Each structure stands twice: as C-alpha cells, then as structure tokens.
C-alpha cells in the first residue's frame, strides 16, 4: 500500500458522523428599509437617489454627462449612445463613460445589488464603465443576505454578481482609493411606488 492509499484509507475509516443542517435563521423585517439601504450603500461609497419615474433618471444622465461621452444604457426608458446588444467584443466597451442597468434586488444590510448577466449583456460592463447607474425598484429591497440568497437563482442565469459600491482599494499605504480598478462612482436610483 502506498502512502497515498494509506492516508485515504485512514480518512475514510475516521470519517465523522453526518449531522443535520441547522435550521435556517429567520431575521425580523427591517422597519426603515430604504434608510438602512441608503446607509449601507453610502458606507460602500455609493449614492442613492429616490425617484418616481425613469424620466428622472434620464434627466440625471442628461445633466451630468455630455453628448460626446459614451453612455451605454440597457434600460429602454433611458437613452444612451452605445448599443451594448450590438457589441460582440467586450473590449469595445473600454471607453464607456457611464453604464445604466437594472438591478434585480437590493440588500439593506450592506447596500449590495444582485445583478444577473441578462441585465448587463457583457459581464464586464458594470466594471469597465467609469460611472455606474443601477436602477432598482422599492419592492425588491430585502433586509439581509439571507433573504437575498433565498431569492437568487444562479442556475437560471448562469452568472450573476452582487455589486456594493464603486471600485475601491486600500492596499496602498492603507489609503482608501475609489475607482482604482473599475467604476469611479455608483449611483443607485430607487424607483419608488407611486
């Protein structure tokens, strides 16, 4: 018997008894979900804007970005000048100034937003744009990641990511740098119920 076989047999013979999984924890609903979400998002370097319609998002884009800047919008009600759906090579997105996308759900605990691949077309889009605008609806806000994981179905989309603020690092001299490896800003537009 080789040493490898000996080790594997020892592991097999000393395997611990299987134990049942613990009961799933249930947390109380957050009473001021929007305020808590905003606090979490701000803590990550993002900003929250509450709006009643997507026309307000269009006004924001028009007032903050010029016509010569590349705006990639995957939200039909917000116009852009880059059609991401017609781009086959993600490298062609390197000069995008702002990306406007929809998030599936927001997590108040940490300000994160679930973003499935279908909402971004190219996985790189939310990370390569200089500025990121994500639109989420008020009714999609959840209290914590436990609730989020119950709602997220990775098998459905194949890929997804939680985004919780603009790019940041504190590796260099322990100084926080925003926008070091990706978007320099994240603005979340919370579409309120009428």
C-alpha atoms as a PDB file:
ATOM      1  CA  UNK A   1       0.000   0.000   0.000  1.00  0.00           C
ATOM      2  CA  UNK A   2       1.346   3.400  -0.967  1.00  0.00           C
ATOM      3  CA  UNK A   3       1.403   6.323   1.462  1.00  0.00           C
ATOM      4  CA  UNK A   4      -1.354   7.993  -0.567  1.00  0.00           C
ATOM      5  CA  UNK A   5      -3.620   4.938  -0.259  1.00  0.00           C
ATOM      6  CA  UNK A   6      -2.811   4.711   3.445  1.00  0.00           C
ATOM      7  CA  UNK A   7      -3.805   8.327   4.033  1.00  0.00           C
ATOM      8  CA  UNK A   8      -7.042   7.982   2.013  1.00  0.00           C
ATOM      9  CA  UNK A   9      -7.998   4.798   3.902  1.00  0.00           C
ATOM     10  CA  UNK A  10      -7.335   6.497   7.238  1.00  0.00           C
ATOM     11  CA  UNK A  11      -9.587   9.391   6.223  1.00  0.00           C
ATOM     12  CA  UNK A  12     -12.331   7.003   5.052  1.00  0.00           C
ATOM     13  CA  UNK A  13     -12.189   4.978   8.283  1.00  0.00           C
ATOM     14  CA  UNK A  14     -12.249   8.027  10.559  1.00  0.00           C
ATOM     15  CA  UNK A  15     -14.983   9.978   8.868  1.00  0.00           C
ATOM     16  CA  UNK A  16     -17.174  11.841  11.374  1.00  0.00           C
ATOM     17  CA  UNK A  17     -20.872  11.069  11.646  1.00  0.00           C
ATOM     18  CA  UNK A  18     -23.107  13.146   9.410  1.00  0.00           C
ATOM     19  CA  UNK A  19     -25.093  15.813  11.228  1.00  0.00           C
ATOM     20  CA  UNK A  20     -28.270  17.535  10.176  1.00  0.00           C
ATOM     21  CA  UNK A  21     -28.041  21.055   8.838  1.00  0.00           C
ATOM     22  CA  UNK A  22     -29.085  23.757  11.292  1.00  0.00           C
ATOM     23  CA  UNK A  23     -32.472  25.373  10.969  1.00  0.00           C
ATOM     24  CA  UNK A  24     -32.478  28.371   8.681  1.00  0.00           C
ATOM     25  CA  UNK A  25     -32.285  31.563  10.690  1.00  0.00           C
ATOM     26  CA  UNK A  26     -35.148  33.993  10.270  1.00  0.00           C
ATOM     27  CA  UNK A  27     -34.467  37.645  10.888  1.00  0.00           C
ATOM     28  CA  UNK A  28     -37.093  40.296  11.565  1.00  0.00           C
ATOM     29  CA  UNK A  29     -38.049  42.631   8.741  1.00  0.00           C
ATOM     30  CA  UNK A  30     -36.289  45.977   8.839  1.00  0.00           C
ATOM     31  CA  UNK A  31     -38.849  48.733   9.541  1.00  0.00           C
ATOM     32  CA  UNK A  32     -36.973  51.504   7.709  1.00  0.00           C
ATOM     33  CA  UNK A  33     -35.637  49.503   4.810  1.00  0.00           C
ATOM     34  CA  UNK A  34     -34.871  52.440   2.497  1.00  0.00           C
ATOM     35  CA  UNK A  35     -32.948  54.344   5.172  1.00  0.00           C
ATOM     36  CA  UNK A  36     -30.973  51.237   6.086  1.00  0.00           C
ATOM     37  CA  UNK A  37     -30.249  50.510   2.435  1.00  0.00           C
ATOM     38  CA  UNK A  38     -29.020  54.060   1.883  1.00  0.00           C
ATOM     39  CA  UNK A  39     -26.737  53.793   4.915  1.00  0.00           C
ATOM     40  CA  UNK A  40     -25.254  50.544   3.613  1.00  0.00           C
ATOM     41  CA  UNK A  41     -24.779  51.955   0.118  1.00  0.00           C
ATOM     42  CA  UNK A  42     -23.200  55.177   1.391  1.00  0.00           C
ATOM     43  CA  UNK A  43     -20.831  53.138   3.533  1.00  0.00           C
ATOM     44  CA  UNK A  44     -19.614  51.472   0.339  1.00  0.00           C
ATOM     45  CA  UNK A  45     -19.080  54.774  -1.464  1.00  0.00           C
ATOM     46  CA  UNK A  46     -22.316  54.740  -3.462  1.00  0.00           C
ATOM     47  CA  UNK A  47     -25.155  57.263  -3.597  1.00  0.00           C
ATOM     48  CA  UNK A  48     -28.902  56.697  -3.511  1.00  0.00           C
ATOM     49  CA  UNK A  49     -31.431  58.804  -5.388  1.00  0.00           C
ATOM     50  CA  UNK A  50     -35.117  58.138  -4.863  1.00  0.00           C
ATOM     51  CA  UNK A  51     -37.241  58.745  -7.956  1.00  0.00           C
ATOM     52  CA  UNK A  52     -40.856  58.330  -9.001  1.00  0.00           C
ATOM     53  CA  UNK A  53     -40.162  57.677 -12.693  1.00  0.00           C
ATOM     54  CA  UNK A  54     -37.410  56.708 -15.091  1.00  0.00           C
ATOM     55  CA  UNK A  55     -37.740  60.142 -16.710  1.00  0.00           C
ATOM     56  CA  UNK A  56     -35.904  61.475 -13.641  1.00  0.00           C
ATOM     57  CA  UNK A  57     -33.027  59.095 -14.391  1.00  0.00           C
ATOM     58  CA  UNK A  58     -32.911  60.389 -17.968  1.00  0.00           C
ATOM     59  CA  UNK A  59     -32.775  63.966 -16.644  1.00  0.00           C
ATOM     60  CA  UNK A  60     -29.872  62.994 -14.370  1.00  0.00           C
ATOM     61  CA  UNK A  61     -27.941  61.442 -17.269  1.00  0.00           C
ATOM     62  CA  UNK A  62     -28.608  64.495 -19.481  1.00  0.00           C
ATOM     63  CA  UNK A  63     -27.445  66.932 -16.806  1.00  0.00           C
ATOM     64  CA  UNK A  64     -24.321  65.008 -15.682  1.00  0.00           C
ATOM     65  CA  UNK A  65     -22.916  63.705 -18.976  1.00  0.00           C
ATOM     66  CA  UNK A  66     -22.260  65.425 -22.293  1.00  0.00           C
ATOM     67  CA  UNK A  67     -23.348  64.201 -25.732  1.00  0.00           C
ATOM     68  CA  UNK A  68     -19.773  63.259 -26.665  1.00  0.00           C
ATOM     69  CA  UNK A  69     -19.408  60.884 -23.688  1.00  0.00           C
ATOM     70  CA  UNK A  70     -20.305  57.250 -24.314  1.00  0.00           C
ATOM     71  CA  UNK A  71     -23.441  56.217 -22.435  1.00  0.00           C
ATOM     72  CA  UNK A  72     -24.397  52.535 -22.546  1.00  0.00           C
ATOM     73  CA  UNK A  73     -27.980  52.116 -21.394  1.00  0.00           C
ATOM     74  CA  UNK A  74     -29.684  48.750 -21.051  1.00  0.00           C
ATOM     75  CA  UNK A  75     -32.818  50.413 -19.714  1.00  0.00           C
ATOM     76  CA  UNK A  76     -35.232  51.196 -22.560  1.00  0.00           C
ATOM     77  CA  UNK A  77     -36.593  54.347 -20.902  1.00  0.00           C
ATOM     78  CA  UNK A  78     -33.099  55.868 -20.520  1.00  0.00           C
ATOM     79  CA  UNK A  79     -31.377  56.665 -23.804  1.00  0.00           C
ATOM     80  CA  UNK A  80     -27.709  56.156 -24.489  1.00  0.00           C
ATOM     81  CA  UNK A  81     -25.443  56.390 -27.482  1.00  0.00           C
ATOM     82  CA  UNK A  82     -23.845  52.920 -27.254  1.00  0.00           C
ATOM     83  CA  UNK A  83     -25.931  49.851 -28.119  1.00  0.00           C
ATOM     84  CA  UNK A  84     -24.366  47.157 -25.957  1.00  0.00           C
ATOM     85  CA  UNK A  85     -26.520  44.461 -27.553  1.00  0.00           C
ATOM     86  CA  UNK A  86     -24.793  45.043 -30.910  1.00  0.00           C
ATOM     87  CA  UNK A  87     -21.272  44.768 -29.500  1.00  0.00           C
ATOM     88  CA  UNK A  88     -19.746  41.311 -29.801  1.00  0.00           C
ATOM     89  CA  UNK A  89     -16.279  42.050 -28.395  1.00  0.00           C
ATOM     90  CA  UNK A  90     -16.402  43.307 -24.767  1.00  0.00           C
ATOM     91  CA  UNK A  91     -13.087  45.116 -25.363  1.00  0.00           C
ATOM     92  CA  UNK A  92     -15.081  47.619 -27.428  1.00  0.00           C
ATOM     93  CA  UNK A  93     -16.662  48.857 -24.165  1.00  0.00           C
ATOM     94  CA  UNK A  94     -13.388  50.242 -22.788  1.00  0.00           C
ATOM     95  CA  UNK A  95     -14.321  53.896 -23.437  1.00  0.00           C
ATOM     96  CA  UNK A  96     -17.831  53.769 -21.935  1.00  0.00           C
ATOM     97  CA  UNK A  97     -18.232  56.690 -19.549  1.00  0.00           C
ATOM     98  CA  UNK A  98     -21.492  55.595 -17.923  1.00  0.00           C
ATOM     99  CA  UNK A  99     -23.462  52.350 -17.894  1.00  0.00           C
ATOM    100  CA  UNK A 100     -27.158  52.365 -16.978  1.00  0.00           C
ATOM    101  CA  UNK A 101     -28.509  48.952 -15.932  1.00  0.00           C
ATOM    102  CA  UNK A 102     -31.296  47.398 -13.869  1.00  0.00           C
ATOM    103  CA  UNK A 103     -30.633  45.514 -10.659  1.00  0.00           C
ATOM    104  CA  UNK A 104     -32.807  42.603  -9.559  1.00  0.00           C
ATOM    105  CA  UNK A 105     -32.792  43.246  -5.822  1.00  0.00           C
ATOM    106  CA  UNK A 106     -31.131  45.409  -3.193  1.00  0.00           C
ATOM    107  CA  UNK A 107     -29.858  44.300   0.221  1.00  0.00           C
ATOM    108  CA  UNK A 108     -30.229  46.816   3.047  1.00  0.00           C
ATOM    109  CA  UNK A 109     -27.679  45.085   5.280  1.00  0.00           C
ATOM    110  CA  UNK A 110     -24.745  46.028   3.050  1.00  0.00           C
ATOM    111  CA  UNK A 111     -26.066  48.135   0.161  1.00  0.00           C
ATOM    112  CA  UNK A 112     -25.456  45.330  -2.351  1.00  0.00           C
ATOM    113  CA  UNK A 113     -27.426  44.833  -5.564  1.00  0.00           C
ATOM    114  CA  UNK A 114     -27.916  41.493  -7.324  1.00  0.00           C
ATOM    115  CA  UNK A 115     -27.021  41.775 -10.988  1.00  0.00           C
ATOM    116  CA  UNK A 116     -27.656  38.733 -13.233  1.00  0.00           C
ATOM    117  CA  UNK A 117     -25.822  38.507 -16.553  1.00  0.00           C
ATOM    118  CA  UNK A 118     -29.030  39.066 -18.533  1.00  0.00           C
ATOM    119  CA  UNK A 119     -29.181  42.623 -17.126  1.00  0.00           C
ATOM    120  CA  UNK A 120     -25.674  43.567 -18.289  1.00  0.00           C
ATOM    121  CA  UNK A 121     -25.291  41.582 -21.570  1.00  0.00           C
ATOM    122  CA  UNK A 122     -21.486  41.603 -21.196  1.00  0.00           C
ATOM    123  CA  UNK A 123     -20.144  40.644 -17.774  1.00  0.00           C
ATOM    124  CA  UNK A 124     -17.521  43.360 -17.974  1.00  0.00           C
ATOM    125  CA  UNK A 125     -19.947  46.282 -18.455  1.00  0.00           C
ATOM    126  CA  UNK A 126     -20.552  47.206 -14.792  1.00  0.00           C
ATOM    127  CA  UNK A 127     -16.824  47.025 -14.095  1.00  0.00           C
ATOM    128  CA  UNK A 128     -15.360  48.797 -17.120  1.00  0.00           C
ATOM    129  CA  UNK A 129     -17.586  51.891 -17.233  1.00  0.00           C
ATOM    130  CA  UNK A 130     -16.250  54.969 -15.448  1.00  0.00           C
ATOM    131  CA  UNK A 131     -19.609  55.588 -13.764  1.00  0.00           C
ATOM    132  CA  UNK A 132     -22.328  53.081 -12.993  1.00  0.00           C
ATOM    133  CA  UNK A 133     -26.044  53.783 -12.622  1.00  0.00           C
ATOM    134  CA  UNK A 134     -28.213  50.954 -11.336  1.00  0.00           C
ATOM    135  CA  UNK A 135     -31.991  51.165 -11.145  1.00  0.00           C
ATOM    136  CA  UNK A 136     -33.833  49.030  -8.602  1.00  0.00           C
ATOM    137  CA  UNK A 137     -37.464  49.022  -7.558  1.00  0.00           C
ATOM    138  CA  UNK A 138     -38.511  49.712  -3.997  1.00  0.00           C
ATOM    139  CA  UNK A 139     -40.358  46.414  -3.625  1.00  0.00           C
ATOM    140  CA  UNK A 140     -37.153  44.474  -4.387  1.00  0.00           C
ATOM    141  CA  UNK A 141     -35.366  45.720  -1.250  1.00  0.00           C
ATOM    142  CA  UNK A 142     -34.531  42.972   1.219  1.00  0.00           C
ATOM    143  CA  UNK A 143     -33.277  43.161   4.788  1.00  0.00           C
ATOM    144  CA  UNK A 144     -30.191  40.942   4.562  1.00  0.00           C
ATOM    145  CA  UNK A 145     -28.154  38.496   2.510  1.00  0.00           C
ATOM    146  CA  UNK A 146     -30.049  35.525   3.960  1.00  0.00           C
ATOM    147  CA  UNK A 147     -33.186  36.765   2.192  1.00  0.00           C
ATOM    148  CA  UNK A 148     -31.211  37.573  -0.953  1.00  0.00           C
ATOM    149  CA  UNK A 149     -29.770  34.062  -1.233  1.00  0.00           C
ATOM    150  CA  UNK A 150     -33.262  32.618  -0.967  1.00  0.00           C
ATOM    151  CA  UNK A 151     -34.355  34.727  -3.964  1.00  0.00           C
ATOM    152  CA  UNK A 152     -31.257  34.392  -6.171  1.00  0.00           C
ATOM    153  CA  UNK A 153     -31.332  31.517  -8.631  1.00  0.00           C
ATOM    154  CA  UNK A 154     -27.864  31.227 -10.157  1.00  0.00           C
ATOM    155  CA  UNK A 155     -28.868  28.136 -12.148  1.00  0.00           C
ATOM    156  CA  UNK A 156     -31.405  30.268 -14.015  1.00  0.00           C
ATOM    157  CA  UNK A 157     -28.968  32.858 -15.346  1.00  0.00           C
ATOM    158  CA  UNK A 158     -25.662  31.011 -15.050  1.00  0.00           C
ATOM    159  CA  UNK A 159     -23.815  34.101 -13.846  1.00  0.00           C
ATOM    160  CA  UNK A 160     -24.550  36.964 -11.538  1.00  0.00           C
ATOM    161  CA  UNK A 161     -22.782  39.258  -9.126  1.00  0.00           C
ATOM    162  CA  UNK A 162     -23.563  41.365  -6.087  1.00  0.00           C
ATOM    163  CA  UNK A 163     -22.363  44.938  -6.629  1.00  0.00           C
ATOM    164  CA  UNK A 164     -21.952  47.012  -3.484  1.00  0.00           C
ATOM    165  CA  UNK A 165     -20.415  50.317  -4.485  1.00  0.00           C
ATOM    166  CA  UNK A 166     -17.835  51.757  -6.840  1.00  0.00           C
ATOM    167  CA  UNK A 167     -14.423  50.156  -7.201  1.00  0.00           C
ATOM    168  CA  UNK A 168     -12.188  50.694  -4.190  1.00  0.00           C
ATOM    169  CA  UNK A 169      -8.933  49.530  -2.665  1.00  0.00           C
ATOM    170  CA  UNK A 170      -6.977  50.337   0.461  1.00  0.00           C
ATOM    171  CA  UNK A 171      -3.888  48.255  -0.294  1.00  0.00           C
ATOM    172  CA  UNK A 172      -1.546  51.141  -0.936  1.00  0.00           C
ATOM    173  CA  UNK A 173      -0.369  52.730   2.311  1.00  0.00           C
ATOM    174  CA  UNK A 174      -3.765  51.867   3.832  1.00  0.00           C
ATOM    175  CA  UNK A 175      -5.354  54.797   1.996  1.00  0.00           C
ATOM    176  CA  UNK A 176      -8.807  54.280   0.515  1.00  0.00           C
ATOM    177  CA  UNK A 177      -8.839  54.886  -3.235  1.00  0.00           C
ATOM    178  CA  UNK A 178     -12.204  54.967  -5.042  1.00  0.00           C
ATOM    179  CA  UNK A 179     -12.260  53.957  -8.708  1.00  0.00           C
ATOM    180  CA  UNK A 180      -8.914  52.195  -8.718  1.00  0.00           C
ATOM    181  CA  UNK A 181      -9.942  49.094 -10.672  1.00  0.00           C
ATOM    182  CA  UNK A 182     -13.395  49.918 -12.018  1.00  0.00           C
ATOM    183  CA  UNK A 183     -16.197  52.460 -11.769  1.00  0.00           C
ATOM    184  CA  UNK A 184     -15.335  55.706 -10.024  1.00  0.00           C
ATOM    185  CA  UNK A 185     -18.937  56.178  -8.924  1.00  0.00           C
ATOM    186  CA  UNK A 186     -22.106  54.201  -8.324  1.00  0.00           C
ATOM    187  CA  UNK A 187     -25.462  55.929  -8.233  1.00  0.00           C
ATOM    188  CA  UNK A 188     -28.458  53.781  -7.383  1.00  0.00           C
ATOM    189  CA  UNK A 189     -31.864  55.073  -8.427  1.00  0.00           C
ATOM    190  CA  UNK A 190     -34.578  53.614  -6.241  1.00  0.00           C
ATOM    191  CA  UNK A 191     -37.823  53.619  -8.191  1.00  0.00           C
ATOM    192  CA  UNK A 192     -40.472  54.319  -5.552  1.00  0.00           C
ATOM    193  CA  UNK A 193     -44.010  53.009  -5.641  1.00  0.00           C
ATOM    194  CA  UNK A 194     -46.484  55.661  -6.671  1.00  0.00           C
END
